[in-house]
Amino acid sequence: MKISGITVWQIELPLSKPYWLSGGRLKFEAIDSTFVRIDTDEGISGWGEGCPWGHTYLPAHGPGLRAAIGVLAPALVGRDPRALDDINRAMDLQLPGHPYAKSPLDIACWDIIGKMSGEPLWRLLGAEKAAAVAVNSSISTGSPEEMIALIHDASAKGYRTHSAKIGGIDITADIERIDAISAALPEGEQVTFDVNRAWTPGVALQVLNAVSARDWIEQPCETLEQSALFASKVPQPIMLDECLHSFQDHLEAWRVGICQGVKVKPNRVGGLTRARHIRDFGVSVGWQMHIEDTGGSAFADTATLHLAASTPDANRLASWLCHAHLAIDPVPGQGARNSAGLVRVGDAPGVGVTPDPSLLGDPVAAYGDVA
């Protein structure tokens, strides 16, 4: 089996309402998604999606992803998509770095393998049975009253885990948010306070030693090194996210002992192949993990949920669904959807979602011989 062609589509995904994070310094109203289809000489095609969360969140952006695919695709045409390690080595040789651009290509290869074998990805990723995965809400920054109202709305939709966006230089405001949300949290529900890198180490020390909450604190500072300055001096467990771009970053976080958990996002680290390596390392060192993607439609969410559904219960925390925030649905009726706070990925081969090209618009690029 050989890759015969690669086709690329671009689609803008507007959010149903504006979204603020990192203490309100980052605002998002739409995200730029890229779909790819890899065709083979045996008539089996695989799909992938890559969708950075805007261009201010991480060193990634939609036009850059598509430009990188233009560099990567010629190196993949003619190769066997089942040879995942060789595929990833070929991409790294052709274009060092830029893991977010490699992710949809890697996922499309996984989709092909699943379709060839007749197996869903969760089984290929190591599970005998796919777990039902809890989903967490994502609560935009606002006043304590506004955020509590959003949590109650999410609870009514079945969410039992919430990610509350806080952070900034106003120490008093963050203390008030954390204390108010903790006090108002419905019984049996959990919250993670996601700072999205907005604190300095000094602010983190002041806030976290002033509040009574002992919930997860996610990505308090910009870098791994800044978080290391105070992690052992606060009573809350620390979750790292945006500062982890590679396996080496995860290894360093464990070596220094900064965190008790991490977020594993295939689009950020280069696809399911590398996300699985990180997931397995996290299991081996006892981390708990939110396994979700940086953004995208129900396709991107479902591809990542196969990894979550194959992760041991003790290490798996809730997953976020980007598609729940979208005003449009480019894969209607397909993929893993929230049902009373849980998602199930199903038994269909591969990702289990096949986009309809007519809903994606005209291709923006094609390489090799495409169907």
Protein backbone atom coordinates (compact mmCIF):
# COMPACT_ATOMS: atom_id res chain seq x y z
CA MET A 1 0.00 0.00 0.00
CA LYS A 2 1.28 3.45 -0.94
CA ILE A 3 0.05 7.00 -0.46
CA SER A 4 -1.11 8.18 -3.86
CA GLY A 5 -2.41 11.64 -3.04
CA ILE A 6 -3.17 14.18 -0.32
CA THR A 7 -6.01 16.71 -0.51
CA VAL A 8 -6.39 19.72 1.78
CA TRP A 9 -9.48 21.76 2.74
CA GLN A 10 -9.74 24.90 4.85
CA ILE A 11 -12.86 25.82 6.81
CA GLU A 12 -13.53 28.60 9.29
CA LEU A 13 -15.35 27.44 12.41
CA PRO A 14 -17.14 30.35 14.11
CA LEU A 15 -17.76 30.01 17.84
CA SER A 16 -21.34 30.23 19.05
CA LYS A 17 -20.29 33.14 21.27
CA PRO A 18 -17.02 34.99 21.96
CA TYR A 19 -14.66 33.15 24.27
CA TRP A 20 -12.21 34.74 26.72
CA LEU A 21 -9.33 33.11 28.58
CA SER A 22 -6.06 33.93 30.33
CA GLY A 23 -7.64 36.57 32.53
CA GLY A 24 -9.44 38.07 29.54
CA ARG A 25 -6.29 38.93 27.59
CA LEU A 26 -7.11 36.41 24.85
CA LYS A 27 -10.40 36.58 22.96
CA PHE A 28 -11.60 34.17 20.27
CA GLU A 29 -14.59 34.36 17.94
CA ALA A 30 -13.65 31.84 15.22
CA ILE A 31 -11.00 29.20 14.60
CA ASP A 32 -9.31 28.12 11.37
CA SER A 33 -9.46 24.38 10.70
CA THR A 34 -7.69 22.25 8.09
CA PHE A 35 -8.98 18.88 6.91
CA VAL A 36 -6.75 16.46 5.01
CA ARG A 37 -7.57 13.28 3.15
CA ILE A 38 -4.83 10.79 2.32
CA ASP A 39 -5.67 8.51 -0.61
CA THR A 40 -3.89 5.21 -1.30
CA ASP A 41 -3.28 3.05 -4.32
CA GLU A 42 -5.55 0.40 -2.77
CA GLY A 43 -8.57 2.67 -2.68
CA ILE A 44 -8.62 3.24 1.08
CA SER A 45 -8.58 6.85 2.28
CA GLY A 46 -7.94 8.30 5.70
CA TRP A 47 -8.94 11.67 7.16
CA GLY A 48 -7.30 14.04 9.61
CA GLU A 49 -8.02 17.48 11.00
CA GLY A 50 -5.70 20.10 12.46
CA CYS A 51 -7.11 23.17 14.17
CA PRO A 52 -5.04 25.57 16.28
CA TRP A 53 -7.06 27.53 18.83
CA GLY A 54 -6.60 30.86 17.06
CA HIS A 55 -3.12 32.29 16.49
CA THR A 56 -2.48 33.91 19.90
CA TYR A 57 -2.86 30.80 22.06
CA LEU A 58 0.15 28.72 20.93
CA PRO A 59 2.92 29.07 18.31
CA ALA A 60 0.56 27.69 15.67
CA HIS A 61 -1.86 29.11 13.12
CA GLY A 62 -4.06 27.83 10.32
CA PRO A 63 -2.22 29.33 7.33
CA GLY A 64 1.06 28.05 8.75
CA LEU A 65 -0.36 24.55 9.08
CA ARG A 66 -1.39 24.48 5.44
CA ALA A 67 1.93 25.94 4.28
CA ALA A 68 3.75 23.23 6.23
CA ILE A 69 1.60 20.50 4.66
CA GLY A 70 2.76 21.85 1.30
CA VAL A 71 6.31 21.08 2.38
CA LEU A 72 5.48 17.73 4.00
CA ALA A 73 3.12 16.18 1.46
CA PRO A 74 5.68 15.53 -1.32
CA ALA A 75 7.78 13.55 1.16
CA LEU A 76 4.82 11.28 1.99
CA VAL A 77 3.45 10.50 -1.48
CA GLY A 78 4.65 7.01 -2.42
CA ARG A 79 5.23 5.91 1.20
CA ASP A 80 3.31 3.23 3.11
CA PRO A 81 0.87 4.97 5.50
CA ARG A 82 0.88 1.95 7.80
CA ALA A 83 4.54 2.54 8.72
CA LEU A 84 3.72 5.20 11.29
CA ASP A 85 7.17 5.57 12.79
CA ASP A 86 8.75 5.91 9.36
CA ILE A 87 6.04 8.37 8.32
CA ASN A 88 6.83 10.54 11.33
CA ARG A 89 10.57 10.28 10.78
CA ALA A 90 10.09 11.30 7.14
CA MET A 91 8.07 14.35 8.23
CA ASP A 92 10.71 15.34 10.79
CA LEU A 93 13.45 15.04 8.18
CA GLN A 94 11.48 17.07 5.65
CA LEU A 95 10.48 19.79 8.14
CA PRO A 96 11.96 19.87 11.66
CA GLY A 97 9.54 21.12 14.29
CA HIS A 98 6.03 22.34 13.43
CA PRO A 99 4.34 19.36 15.13
CA TYR A 100 0.88 20.88 14.86
CA ALA A 101 1.11 20.68 11.05
CA LYS A 102 2.09 17.00 11.17
CA SER A 103 -0.82 15.98 13.38
CA PRO A 104 -3.60 15.73 10.74
CA LEU A 105 -1.33 13.71 8.45
CA ASP A 106 -0.44 11.30 11.24
CA ILE A 107 -4.11 10.92 12.23
CA ALA A 108 -5.12 10.26 8.62
CA CYS A 109 -2.60 7.41 8.54
CA TRP A 110 -4.11 5.98 11.74
CA ASP A 111 -7.54 6.21 10.10
CA ILE A 112 -6.26 4.20 7.13
CA ILE A 113 -4.83 1.51 9.41
CA GLY A 114 -8.12 1.26 11.27
CA LYS A 115 -10.10 0.93 8.06
CA MET A 116 -7.71 -1.70 6.68
CA SER A 117 -7.87 -3.78 9.85
CA GLY A 118 -11.57 -3.20 10.49
CA GLU A 119 -10.73 -1.98 13.99
CA PRO A 120 -11.59 1.24 15.83
CA LEU A 121 -8.62 3.33 16.89
CA TRP A 122 -9.20 2.75 20.59
CA ARG A 123 -8.42 -0.94 20.08
CA LEU A 124 -5.32 -0.17 18.02
CA LEU A 125 -4.28 2.20 20.83
CA GLY A 126 -4.23 -0.67 23.31
CA ALA A 127 -7.65 -1.12 24.90
CA GLU A 128 -9.74 -4.28 25.12
CA LYS A 129 -12.83 -2.14 25.68
CA ALA A 130 -13.44 1.56 25.06
CA ALA A 131 -14.20 3.48 28.23
CA ALA A 132 -16.98 6.02 28.42
CA VAL A 133 -15.10 9.31 28.74
CA ALA A 134 -16.32 12.09 31.00
CA VAL A 135 -16.39 15.51 29.36
CA ASN A 136 -15.58 18.81 31.03
CA SER A 137 -17.12 22.18 30.38
CA SER A 138 -14.99 25.20 29.56
CA ILE A 139 -16.03 28.30 31.47
CA SER A 140 -14.99 31.63 29.96
CA THR A 141 -13.41 34.32 32.16
CA GLY A 142 -15.84 36.74 33.76
CA SER A 143 -17.13 37.94 37.11
CA PRO A 144 -17.71 35.28 39.78
CA GLU A 145 -21.46 35.56 39.19
CA GLU A 146 -21.11 35.16 35.43
CA MET A 147 -18.82 32.15 35.77
CA ILE A 148 -21.05 30.45 38.34
CA ALA A 149 -24.05 30.93 36.03
CA LEU A 150 -22.10 29.27 33.19
CA ILE A 151 -21.19 26.35 35.46
CA HIS A 152 -24.83 25.86 36.40
CA ASP A 153 -25.78 25.92 32.70
CA ALA A 154 -23.11 23.28 32.01
CA SER A 155 -24.34 21.15 34.91
CA ALA A 156 -27.81 21.15 33.34
CA LYS A 157 -26.23 19.64 30.20
CA GLY A 158 -24.67 16.79 32.17
CA TYR A 159 -21.18 18.17 32.78
CA ARG A 160 -19.75 17.22 36.17
CA THR A 161 -16.23 18.54 35.61
CA HIS A 162 -15.58 22.18 34.79
CA SER A 163 -12.57 24.14 33.57
CA ALA A 164 -12.87 27.69 34.89
CA LYS A 165 -10.68 30.24 33.14
CA ILE A 166 -9.00 32.65 35.55
CA GLY A 167 -5.73 34.58 35.72
CA GLY A 168 -4.23 38.04 35.38
CA ILE A 169 -2.52 40.63 37.53
CA ASP A 170 -5.56 41.38 39.70
CA ILE A 171 -4.80 39.12 42.66
CA THR A 172 -7.94 40.06 44.56
CA ALA A 173 -10.18 39.29 41.58
CA ASP A 174 -8.71 35.80 41.15
CA ILE A 175 -9.02 35.02 44.85
CA GLU A 176 -12.66 36.10 44.70
CA ARG A 177 -13.32 33.97 41.61
CA ILE A 178 -11.74 30.85 43.09
CA ASP A 179 -13.43 31.18 46.47
CA ALA A 180 -16.85 31.97 44.99
CA ILE A 181 -16.76 29.14 42.43
CA SER A 182 -15.55 26.60 44.99
CA ALA A 183 -18.34 27.59 47.38
CA ALA A 184 -21.03 27.44 44.66
CA LEU A 185 -19.91 24.23 42.96
CA PRO A 186 -22.77 21.72 42.88
CA GLU A 187 -22.29 18.65 45.06
CA GLY A 188 -20.41 15.85 43.35
CA GLU A 189 -18.84 18.11 40.72
CA GLN A 190 -15.21 19.12 40.22
CA VAL A 191 -13.47 22.19 38.91
CA THR A 192 -10.03 22.91 37.49
CA PHE A 193 -8.89 26.53 37.64
CA ASP A 194 -7.15 27.15 34.32
CA VAL A 195 -4.82 30.14 34.37
CA ASN A 196 -3.57 29.71 30.78
CA ARG A 197 -0.11 31.11 31.67
CA ALA A 198 -1.42 34.45 32.97
CA TRP A 199 0.31 34.51 36.39
CA THR A 200 3.87 35.32 37.38
CA PRO A 201 5.33 33.00 40.02
CA GLY A 202 4.83 35.65 42.72
CA VAL A 203 1.16 36.07 41.90
CA ALA A 204 0.70 32.29 41.86
CA LEU A 205 2.17 32.02 45.36
CA GLN A 206 -0.03 34.79 46.71
CA VAL A 207 -3.27 33.52 45.18
CA LEU A 208 -2.84 29.81 45.85
CA ASN A 209 -1.80 30.28 49.47
CA ALA A 210 -4.75 32.64 50.09
CA VAL A 211 -7.61 30.43 48.86
CA SER A 212 -9.15 27.43 50.57
CA ALA A 213 -9.68 25.46 47.33
CA ARG A 214 -7.58 22.34 46.79
CA ASP A 215 -8.65 21.79 43.20
CA TRP A 216 -6.37 21.38 40.19
CA ILE A 217 -4.54 24.53 39.07
CA GLU A 218 -3.74 24.40 35.37
CA GLN A 219 -0.78 26.07 33.63
CA PRO A 220 -0.31 28.88 36.15
CA CYS A 221 2.73 30.47 34.47
CA GLU A 222 4.16 30.89 30.99
CA THR A 223 6.96 28.35 31.23
CA LEU A 224 7.81 25.07 32.87
CA GLU A 225 10.69 26.79 34.68
CA GLN A 226 8.45 29.51 36.15
CA SER A 227 5.99 26.92 37.44
CA ALA A 228 8.86 25.03 39.05
CA LEU A 229 9.65 28.05 41.23
CA PHE A 230 6.54 27.64 43.38
CA ALA A 231 5.00 24.22 42.67
CA SER A 232 6.31 22.71 45.92
CA LYS A 233 5.16 25.75 47.94
CA VAL A 234 1.42 25.55 47.31
CA PRO A 235 -1.15 22.99 48.49
CA GLN A 236 -2.97 22.48 45.19
CA PRO A 237 -2.08 19.84 42.55
CA ILE A 238 -0.59 21.36 39.40
CA MET A 239 -1.63 20.48 35.85
CA LEU A 240 0.63 21.54 32.96
CA ASP A 241 -0.61 22.21 29.45
CA GLU A 242 0.65 24.88 27.06
CA CYS A 243 4.34 24.63 28.00
CA LEU A 244 4.50 20.95 26.95
CA HIS A 245 5.23 20.66 23.24
CA SER A 246 7.29 17.47 23.05
CA PHE A 247 8.07 14.23 24.83
CA GLN A 248 11.22 15.89 26.13
CA ASP A 249 9.14 18.62 27.79
CA HIS A 250 7.04 15.99 29.55
CA LEU A 251 10.17 14.15 30.64
CA GLU A 252 11.62 17.36 32.09
CA ALA A 253 8.38 18.15 33.94
CA TRP A 254 8.51 14.72 35.56
CA ARG A 255 12.25 14.94 36.30
CA VAL A 256 11.87 18.24 38.14
CA GLY A 257 8.67 17.12 39.87
CA ILE A 258 6.59 20.14 38.89
CA CYS A 259 3.20 18.58 38.30
CA GLN A 260 0.82 15.79 39.17
CA GLY A 261 -0.99 15.86 35.85
CA VAL A 262 -0.80 17.06 32.24
CA LYS A 263 -2.99 17.75 29.25
CA VAL A 264 -2.19 15.60 26.23
CA LYS A 265 -3.21 17.26 22.95
CA PRO A 266 -2.38 15.44 19.70
CA ASN A 267 -2.49 18.59 17.56
CA ARG A 268 0.12 20.25 19.77
CA VAL A 269 2.55 17.31 20.00
CA GLY A 270 2.34 16.01 16.42
CA GLY A 271 -0.53 13.54 16.21
CA LEU A 272 -1.75 10.32 17.79
CA THR A 273 1.58 8.51 17.43
CA ARG A 274 3.42 10.95 19.67
CA ALA A 275 0.44 11.59 21.91
CA ARG A 276 0.30 7.86 22.61
CA HIS A 277 3.99 7.85 23.59
CA ILE A 278 3.29 10.69 26.04
CA ARG A 279 0.14 9.04 27.36
CA ASP A 280 2.00 5.81 28.04
CA PHE A 281 4.77 7.70 29.81
CA GLY A 282 2.19 9.51 31.91
CA VAL A 283 0.65 6.20 32.94
CA SER A 284 4.08 4.85 33.89
CA VAL A 285 4.84 7.78 36.22
CA GLY A 286 1.37 8.00 37.74
CA TRP A 287 0.12 11.21 36.17
CA GLN A 288 -3.53 11.97 35.65
CA MET A 289 -4.31 13.33 32.20
CA HIS A 290 -6.91 15.31 30.33
CA ILE A 291 -6.67 13.95 26.77
CA GLU A 292 -8.25 16.37 24.31
CA ASP A 293 -7.29 18.43 21.29
CA THR A 294 -6.51 22.11 20.82
CA GLY A 295 -9.60 22.73 18.71
CA GLY A 296 -11.62 21.58 15.76
CA SER A 297 -14.85 19.89 14.79
CA ALA A 298 -16.34 16.66 16.11
CA PHE A 299 -13.81 14.88 13.87
CA ALA A 300 -10.82 16.24 15.81
CA ASP A 301 -12.56 15.60 19.12
CA THR A 302 -13.41 12.01 18.18
CA ALA A 303 -9.91 11.16 16.95
CA THR A 304 -8.48 12.29 20.29
CA LEU A 305 -11.21 10.61 22.32
CA HIS A 306 -10.05 7.24 20.97
CA LEU A 307 -6.82 7.86 22.90
CA ALA A 308 -8.73 8.95 25.99
CA ALA A 309 -11.05 5.93 25.78
CA SER A 310 -8.03 3.60 25.71
CA THR A 311 -6.39 5.19 28.78
CA PRO A 312 -6.66 3.47 32.21
CA ASP A 313 -9.40 4.82 34.45
CA ALA A 314 -6.96 5.84 37.18
CA ASN A 315 -5.02 8.08 34.80
CA ARG A 316 -7.87 9.49 32.74
CA LEU A 317 -9.52 12.79 33.61
CA ALA A 318 -12.33 14.44 31.67
CA SER A 319 -11.93 15.59 28.05
CA TRP A 320 -13.01 18.90 26.55
CA LEU A 321 -15.10 18.98 23.36
CA CYS A 322 -14.29 21.90 21.11
CA HIS A 323 -17.22 21.20 18.82
CA ALA A 324 -19.61 22.05 21.66
CA HIS A 325 -18.51 25.70 21.24
CA LEU A 326 -19.01 25.89 17.47
CA ALA A 327 -21.80 27.62 15.61
CA ILE A 328 -21.54 25.18 12.68
CA ASP A 329 -21.04 21.42 12.36
CA PRO A 330 -19.02 20.26 9.31
CA VAL A 331 -19.51 16.55 10.20
CA PRO A 332 -23.21 16.50 11.15
CA GLY A 333 -24.52 13.38 12.81
CA GLN A 334 -21.07 11.84 13.20
CA GLY A 335 -18.54 11.44 15.97
CA ALA A 336 -18.55 11.34 19.73
CA ARG A 337 -21.10 13.71 21.25
CA ASN A 338 -21.91 14.66 24.83
CA SER A 339 -24.64 12.51 26.33
CA ALA A 340 -25.36 13.43 29.95
CA GLY A 341 -21.71 14.30 30.57
CA LEU A 342 -20.19 11.26 28.83
CA VAL A 343 -18.96 10.45 25.32
CA ARG A 344 -18.54 7.07 23.65
CA VAL A 345 -16.46 6.63 20.51
CA GLY A 346 -18.11 3.54 19.03
CA ASP A 347 -16.80 0.51 17.14
CA ALA A 348 -16.56 1.82 13.56
CA PRO A 349 -13.17 1.23 11.91
CA GLY A 350 -10.58 3.99 12.17
CA VAL A 351 -11.69 7.34 13.56
CA GLY A 352 -15.29 6.48 12.73
CA VAL A 353 -15.99 9.86 11.12
CA THR A 354 -15.87 10.42 7.36
CA PRO A 355 -16.28 14.08 6.36
CA ASP A 356 -18.39 14.93 3.33
CA PRO A 357 -16.15 16.98 1.00
CA SER A 358 -19.20 18.87 -0.28
CA LEU A 359 -19.61 20.37 3.20
CA LEU A 360 -15.98 21.52 3.33
CA GLY A 361 -15.97 23.62 0.16
CA ASP A 362 -13.40 23.45 -2.61
CA PRO A 363 -9.98 21.98 -1.80
CA VAL A 364 -7.26 24.55 -1.27
CA ALA A 365 -4.42 22.21 -2.27
CA ALA A 366 -3.77 18.75 -3.66
CA TYR A 367 -0.59 16.69 -3.95
CA GLY A 368 0.02 13.57 -6.02
CA ASP A 369 -2.89 11.71 -7.61
CA VAL A 370 -6.09 12.50 -5.71
CA ALA A 371 -9.44 10.76 -5.91
